[in-house]
Amino acid sequence: MIRASVEDETFDGIDFTETNLKKGEYENCVFKNCIFSGTDLFEIIFTECRFEACDFSMAKLRNTSFRNGRFKNCKLLGLRFDECHKMLLSFSFEDCILNFSSFYKLKLKNAQFKSCKLHDVEFIEAELPQANFDQCDLQGATFENTKLEGADFRTAYNYSIDPEMNRIAKAKFSLPDVVGLLYKYNIVIG
């Protein structure tokens, strides 16, 4: 099978549900207004790529590589990031919708989430030291046995994190949302 090797290209407005993205490696490429919904990105390698206003909803990410992938204004519903290739896996998200996605057991030191919707996202057993959840809505997100040392939740909101089930030493929180650490006690604060 011939594999593509593409560098420094811009893909704009392409619907990859109709035209398959060729298997291979994409380095320093920009994808704008592209549709990847439900597509199979099996073993595709994205290195230093930017994705702007793309729709990845329900795409299949088995063994897909994102090496310093940057997502801005993207729709990423129901993605199994935990199925990505783990070597050099890193990405950042800005103004993205990641609802119902999974980061199960991923190691993502310094992960950046800025102004994102992370409703019902799974962070179970993930390692997120020094992660930043700047202005993120974490309604229904699941944190269980998650390593959050030094993570920044100061501007995040709607989170529920059990300090007894997660490692949160040196994590940063602010009022009034810090009460999300007490949700399990079913107490009234006010």
C-alpha atoms as a PDB file:
ATOM      1  CA  MET A   1       0.000   0.000   0.000  1.00  0.00           C
ATOM      2  CA  ILE A   2       1.363   3.416  -0.972  1.00  0.00           C
ATOM      3  CA  ARG A   3       1.281   5.863   1.934  1.00  0.00           C
ATOM      4  CA  ALA A   4       1.073   9.609   1.475  1.00  0.00           C
ATOM      5  CA  SER A   5       3.735  11.916   2.867  1.00  0.00           C
ATOM      6  CA  VAL A   6       2.408  15.466   2.882  1.00  0.00           C
ATOM      7  CA  GLU A   7       4.126  18.562   4.292  1.00  0.00           C
ATOM      8  CA  ASP A   8       3.119  22.210   4.659  1.00  0.00           C
ATOM      9  CA  GLU A   9      -0.198  21.930   2.802  1.00  0.00           C
ATOM     10  CA  THR A  10      -3.542  23.563   3.537  1.00  0.00           C
ATOM     11  CA  PHE A  11      -6.769  21.611   3.104  1.00  0.00           C
ATOM     12  CA  ASP A  12      -9.798  23.919   3.053  1.00  0.00           C
ATOM     13  CA  GLY A  13     -13.463  22.938   2.983  1.00  0.00           C
ATOM     14  CA  ILE A  14     -12.922  19.281   2.124  1.00  0.00           C
ATOM     15  CA  ASP A  15     -15.570  16.732   3.101  1.00  0.00           C
ATOM     16  CA  PHE A  16     -13.515  13.632   3.930  1.00  0.00           C
ATOM     17  CA  THR A  17     -16.726  11.609   4.303  1.00  0.00           C
ATOM     18  CA  GLU A  18     -16.953  11.801   0.500  1.00  0.00           C
ATOM     19  CA  THR A  19     -13.259  11.965  -0.414  1.00  0.00           C
ATOM     20  CA  ASN A  20     -11.126   9.776   1.847  1.00  0.00           C
ATOM     21  CA  LEU A  21      -8.018  11.292   3.384  1.00  0.00           C
ATOM     22  CA  LYS A  22      -5.107   9.245   2.066  1.00  0.00           C
ATOM     23  CA  LYS A  23      -3.367   7.048   4.622  1.00  0.00           C
ATOM     24  CA  GLY A  24       0.060   8.377   5.534  1.00  0.00           C
ATOM     25  CA  GLU A  25       1.811  11.162   7.401  1.00  0.00           C
ATOM     26  CA  TYR A  26       0.780  14.818   7.389  1.00  0.00           C
ATOM     27  CA  GLU A  27       3.349  17.232   8.774  1.00  0.00           C
ATOM     28  CA  ASN A  28       2.841  20.927   9.490  1.00  0.00           C
ATOM     29  CA  CYS A  29      -0.444  20.920   7.566  1.00  0.00           C
ATOM     30  CA  VAL A  30      -3.530  23.070   8.138  1.00  0.00           C
ATOM     31  CA  PHE A  31      -7.052  21.669   7.877  1.00  0.00           C
ATOM     32  CA  LYS A  32      -9.771  24.364   7.714  1.00  0.00           C
ATOM     33  CA  ASN A  33     -13.534  23.811   7.584  1.00  0.00           C
ATOM     34  CA  CYS A  34     -13.053  20.119   6.859  1.00  0.00           C
ATOM     35  CA  ILE A  35     -15.496  17.343   7.717  1.00  0.00           C
ATOM     36  CA  PHE A  36     -14.112  14.138   9.218  1.00  0.00           C
ATOM     37  CA  SER A  37     -17.410  12.991  10.847  1.00  0.00           C
ATOM     38  CA  GLY A  38     -17.498   9.230  11.241  1.00  0.00           C
ATOM     39  CA  THR A  39     -14.411   8.728   9.076  1.00  0.00           C
ATOM     40  CA  ASP A  40     -11.806   6.094   9.867  1.00  0.00           C
ATOM     41  CA  LEU A  41      -8.435   7.758  10.488  1.00  0.00           C
ATOM     42  CA  PHE A  42      -6.708   4.434  11.230  1.00  0.00           C
ATOM     43  CA  GLU A  43      -2.908   4.786  11.414  1.00  0.00           C
ATOM     44  CA  ILE A  44      -2.812   8.307   9.965  1.00  0.00           C
ATOM     45  CA  ILE A  45      -0.045  10.426  11.496  1.00  0.00           C
ATOM     46  CA  PHE A  46      -0.613  14.146  12.071  1.00  0.00           C
ATOM     47  CA  THR A  47       2.557  15.943  13.174  1.00  0.00           C
ATOM     48  CA  GLU A  48       2.426  19.657  14.082  1.00  0.00           C
ATOM     49  CA  CYS A  49      -0.932  20.005  12.276  1.00  0.00           C
ATOM     50  CA  ARG A  50      -3.609  22.641  12.920  1.00  0.00           C
ATOM     51  CA  PHE A  51      -7.315  21.951  12.652  1.00  0.00           C
ATOM     52  CA  GLU A  52      -9.610  24.984  12.423  1.00  0.00           C
ATOM     53  CA  ALA A  53     -13.423  24.808  12.357  1.00  0.00           C
ATOM     54  CA  CYS A  54     -13.366  21.101  11.507  1.00  0.00           C
ATOM     55  CA  ASP A  55     -15.974  18.491  12.430  1.00  0.00           C
ATOM     56  CA  PHE A  56     -14.498  15.232  13.757  1.00  0.00           C
ATOM     57  CA  SER A  57     -17.683  13.979  15.438  1.00  0.00           C
ATOM     58  CA  MET A  58     -17.649  10.204  15.900  1.00  0.00           C
ATOM     59  CA  ALA A  59     -14.483   9.779  13.814  1.00  0.00           C
ATOM     60  CA  LYS A  60     -12.588   6.556  14.453  1.00  0.00           C
ATOM     61  CA  LEU A  61      -9.157   7.255  15.947  1.00  0.00           C
ATOM     62  CA  ARG A  62      -7.757   3.735  16.350  1.00  0.00           C
ATOM     63  CA  ASN A  63      -3.961   4.058  16.156  1.00  0.00           C
ATOM     64  CA  THR A  64      -4.198   7.636  14.829  1.00  0.00           C
ATOM     65  CA  SER A  65      -1.224   9.799  15.822  1.00  0.00           C
ATOM     66  CA  PHE A  66      -1.590  13.421  16.891  1.00  0.00           C
ATOM     67  CA  ARG A  67       1.850  14.845  17.625  1.00  0.00           C
ATOM     68  CA  ASN A  68       1.322  18.393  18.848  1.00  0.00           C
ATOM     69  CA  GLY A  69      -2.088  18.633  17.191  1.00  0.00           C
ATOM     70  CA  ARG A  70      -3.825  21.989  17.652  1.00  0.00           C
ATOM     71  CA  PHE A  71      -7.605  22.191  17.425  1.00  0.00           C
ATOM     72  CA  LYS A  72      -9.467  25.496  17.277  1.00  0.00           C
ATOM     73  CA  ASN A  73     -13.251  25.964  16.908  1.00  0.00           C
ATOM     74  CA  CYS A  74     -13.648  22.260  16.180  1.00  0.00           C
ATOM     75  CA  LYS A  75     -16.522  19.891  16.892  1.00  0.00           C
ATOM     76  CA  LEU A  76     -15.110  16.698  18.417  1.00  0.00           C
ATOM     77  CA  LEU A  77     -18.157  14.830  19.729  1.00  0.00           C
ATOM     78  CA  GLY A  78     -17.838  11.278  21.000  1.00  0.00           C
ATOM     79  CA  LEU A  79     -14.172  10.778  20.143  1.00  0.00           C
ATOM     80  CA  ARG A  80     -12.127   7.965  21.676  1.00  0.00           C
ATOM     81  CA  PHE A  81      -8.806   9.765  22.076  1.00  0.00           C
ATOM     82  CA  ASP A  82      -7.812   6.797  24.242  1.00  0.00           C
ATOM     83  CA  GLU A  83      -7.589   4.722  21.053  1.00  0.00           C
ATOM     84  CA  CYS A  84      -4.960   7.020  19.516  1.00  0.00           C
ATOM     85  CA  HIS A  85      -1.371   5.900  19.138  1.00  0.00           C
ATOM     86  CA  LYS A  86       0.232   6.824  22.475  1.00  0.00           C
ATOM     87  CA  MET A  87       3.771   7.658  21.306  1.00  0.00           C
ATOM     88  CA  LEU A  88       4.375  11.433  21.338  1.00  0.00           C
ATOM     89  CA  LEU A  89       0.620  12.023  21.735  1.00  0.00           C
ATOM     90  CA  SER A  90      -0.079  15.681  22.503  1.00  0.00           C
ATOM     91  CA  PHE A  91      -2.684  18.207  21.535  1.00  0.00           C
ATOM     92  CA  SER A  92      -4.311  21.464  22.570  1.00  0.00           C
ATOM     93  CA  PHE A  93      -7.915  22.570  22.208  1.00  0.00           C
ATOM     94  CA  GLU A  94      -9.328  26.097  21.956  1.00  0.00           C
ATOM     95  CA  ASP A  95     -13.031  26.960  21.615  1.00  0.00           C
ATOM     96  CA  CYS A  96     -13.840  23.315  20.888  1.00  0.00           C
ATOM     97  CA  ILE A  97     -16.796  21.090  21.736  1.00  0.00           C
ATOM     98  CA  LEU A  98     -15.504  17.744  23.042  1.00  0.00           C
ATOM     99  CA  ASN A  99     -18.702  16.409  24.625  1.00  0.00           C
ATOM    100  CA  PHE A 100     -18.920  12.630  25.221  1.00  0.00           C
ATOM    101  CA  SER A 101     -15.231  12.088  24.344  1.00  0.00           C
ATOM    102  CA  SER A 102     -12.799   9.833  26.209  1.00  0.00           C
ATOM    103  CA  PHE A 103      -9.262  10.453  27.446  1.00  0.00           C
ATOM    104  CA  TYR A 104      -9.225   7.186  29.419  1.00  0.00           C
ATOM    105  CA  LYS A 105      -5.748   6.336  30.783  1.00  0.00           C
ATOM    106  CA  LEU A 106      -3.974   8.874  28.549  1.00  0.00           C
ATOM    107  CA  LYS A 107      -0.783  10.595  29.660  1.00  0.00           C
ATOM    108  CA  LEU A 108      -1.151  14.252  28.688  1.00  0.00           C
ATOM    109  CA  LYS A 109       1.200  16.397  30.716  1.00  0.00           C
ATOM    110  CA  ASN A 110       0.580  20.124  30.142  1.00  0.00           C
ATOM    111  CA  ALA A 111      -2.584  19.473  28.098  1.00  0.00           C
ATOM    112  CA  GLN A 112      -4.284  22.749  27.154  1.00  0.00           C
ATOM    113  CA  PHE A 113      -8.054  23.170  27.052  1.00  0.00           C
ATOM    114  CA  LYS A 114      -9.176  26.764  26.509  1.00  0.00           C
ATOM    115  CA  SER A 115     -12.837  27.853  26.367  1.00  0.00           C
ATOM    116  CA  CYS A 116     -13.999  24.317  25.618  1.00  0.00           C
ATOM    117  CA  LYS A 117     -17.196  22.415  26.329  1.00  0.00           C
ATOM    118  CA  LEU A 118     -16.244  19.119  27.941  1.00  0.00           C
ATOM    119  CA  HIS A 119     -19.682  17.770  28.903  1.00  0.00           C
ATOM    120  CA  ASP A 120     -19.679  14.123  29.987  1.00  0.00           C
ATOM    121  CA  VAL A 121     -16.029  13.678  29.005  1.00  0.00           C
ATOM    122  CA  GLU A 122     -14.180  10.720  30.519  1.00  0.00           C
ATOM    123  CA  PHE A 123     -10.860  11.455  32.225  1.00  0.00           C
ATOM    124  CA  ILE A 124     -10.775   8.178  34.200  1.00  0.00           C
ATOM    125  CA  GLU A 125      -7.222   7.088  35.118  1.00  0.00           C
ATOM    126  CA  ALA A 126      -5.753   9.814  32.891  1.00  0.00           C
ATOM    127  CA  GLU A 127      -2.534  11.575  33.795  1.00  0.00           C
ATOM    128  CA  LEU A 128      -3.026  15.328  33.398  1.00  0.00           C
ATOM    129  CA  PRO A 129      -0.321  17.002  35.502  1.00  0.00           C
ATOM    130  CA  GLN A 130      -0.090  20.754  34.858  1.00  0.00           C
ATOM    131  CA  ALA A 131      -3.094  20.578  32.516  1.00  0.00           C
ATOM    132  CA  ASN A 132      -4.931  23.857  32.013  1.00  0.00           C
ATOM    133  CA  PHE A 133      -8.737  23.989  31.838  1.00  0.00           C
ATOM    134  CA  ASP A 134      -9.047  27.719  31.097  1.00  0.00           C
ATOM    135  CA  GLN A 135     -12.717  28.857  30.895  1.00  0.00           C
ATOM    136  CA  CYS A 136     -13.872  25.266  30.339  1.00  0.00           C
ATOM    137  CA  ASP A 137     -17.322  23.846  31.068  1.00  0.00           C
ATOM    138  CA  LEU A 138     -16.810  20.415  32.653  1.00  0.00           C
ATOM    139  CA  GLN A 139     -20.440  19.526  33.317  1.00  0.00           C
ATOM    140  CA  GLY A 140     -20.724  15.784  33.917  1.00  0.00           C
ATOM    141  CA  ALA A 141     -17.021  15.145  33.218  1.00  0.00           C
ATOM    142  CA  THR A 142     -15.764  12.052  35.049  1.00  0.00           C
ATOM    143  CA  PHE A 143     -12.546  12.213  37.042  1.00  0.00           C
ATOM    144  CA  GLU A 144     -11.680   8.940  38.765  1.00  0.00           C
ATOM    145  CA  ASN A 145      -8.160   7.877  39.751  1.00  0.00           C
ATOM    146  CA  THR A 146      -6.989  10.809  37.664  1.00  0.00           C
ATOM    147  CA  LYS A 147      -3.622  12.461  38.251  1.00  0.00           C
ATOM    148  CA  LEU A 148      -4.273  16.205  38.323  1.00  0.00           C
ATOM    149  CA  GLU A 149      -1.218  17.456  40.216  1.00  0.00           C
ATOM    150  CA  GLY A 150      -0.637  21.114  39.402  1.00  0.00           C
ATOM    151  CA  ALA A 151      -3.618  21.265  37.035  1.00  0.00           C
ATOM    152  CA  ASP A 152      -5.285  24.670  36.701  1.00  0.00           C
ATOM    153  CA  PHE A 153      -9.057  24.778  37.234  1.00  0.00           C
ATOM    154  CA  ARG A 154      -9.186  28.430  38.394  1.00  0.00           C
ATOM    155  CA  THR A 155     -11.465  29.548  35.556  1.00  0.00           C
ATOM    156  CA  ALA A 156     -13.135  26.177  34.892  1.00  0.00           C
ATOM    157  CA  TYR A 157     -16.697  25.597  36.006  1.00  0.00           C
ATOM    158  CA  ASN A 158     -19.363  22.890  36.501  1.00  0.00           C
ATOM    159  CA  TYR A 159     -16.771  20.312  37.541  1.00  0.00           C
ATOM    160  CA  SER A 160     -17.171  17.621  40.193  1.00  0.00           C
ATOM    161  CA  ILE A 161     -13.891  16.134  41.378  1.00  0.00           C
ATOM    162  CA  ASP A 162     -13.608  13.816  44.377  1.00  0.00           C
ATOM    163  CA  PRO A 163     -10.315  14.665  46.167  1.00  0.00           C
ATOM    164  CA  GLU A 164     -10.333  11.204  47.762  1.00  0.00           C
ATOM    165  CA  MET A 165     -10.381   9.443  44.383  1.00  0.00           C
ATOM    166  CA  ASN A 166      -8.021  11.720  42.434  1.00  0.00           C
ATOM    167  CA  ARG A 167      -4.552  13.126  42.931  1.00  0.00           C
ATOM    168  CA  ILE A 168      -4.966  16.912  43.121  1.00  0.00           C
ATOM    169  CA  ALA A 169      -1.892  18.100  45.054  1.00  0.00           C
ATOM    170  CA  LYS A 170      -0.910  21.632  44.019  1.00  0.00           C
ATOM    171  CA  ALA A 171      -3.881  21.858  41.620  1.00  0.00           C
ATOM    172  CA  LYS A 172      -5.335  25.355  41.383  1.00  0.00           C
ATOM    173  CA  PHE A 173      -8.992  26.164  42.061  1.00  0.00           C
ATOM    174  CA  SER A 174     -10.934  29.364  42.736  1.00  0.00           C
ATOM    175  CA  LEU A 175     -14.153  30.401  44.395  1.00  0.00           C
ATOM    176  CA  PRO A 176     -17.014  29.790  43.952  1.00  0.00           C
ATOM    177  CA  ASP A 177     -16.416  26.762  41.720  1.00  0.00           C
ATOM    178  CA  VAL A 178     -14.109  25.041  44.215  1.00  0.00           C
ATOM    179  CA  VAL A 179     -17.302  23.673  45.802  1.00  0.00           C
ATOM    180  CA  GLY A 180     -17.158  21.134  42.967  1.00  0.00           C
ATOM    181  CA  LEU A 181     -14.690  19.293  45.216  1.00  0.00           C
ATOM    182  CA  LEU A 182     -17.425  18.799  47.812  1.00  0.00           C
ATOM    183  CA  TYR A 183     -20.306  17.584  45.626  1.00  0.00           C
ATOM    184  CA  LYS A 184     -20.282  14.021  46.984  1.00  0.00           C
ATOM    185  CA  TYR A 185     -21.043  15.182  50.515  1.00  0.00           C
ATOM    186  CA  ASN A 186     -24.428  16.557  49.450  1.00  0.00           C
ATOM    187  CA  ILE A 187     -24.030  19.601  51.688  1.00  0.00           C
ATOM    188  CA  VAL A 188     -25.474  23.067  51.365  1.00  0.00           C
ATOM    189  CA  ILE A 189     -22.949  25.919  51.215  1.00  0.00           C
ATOM    190  CA  GLY A 190     -24.111  29.440  51.402  1.00  0.00           C
END
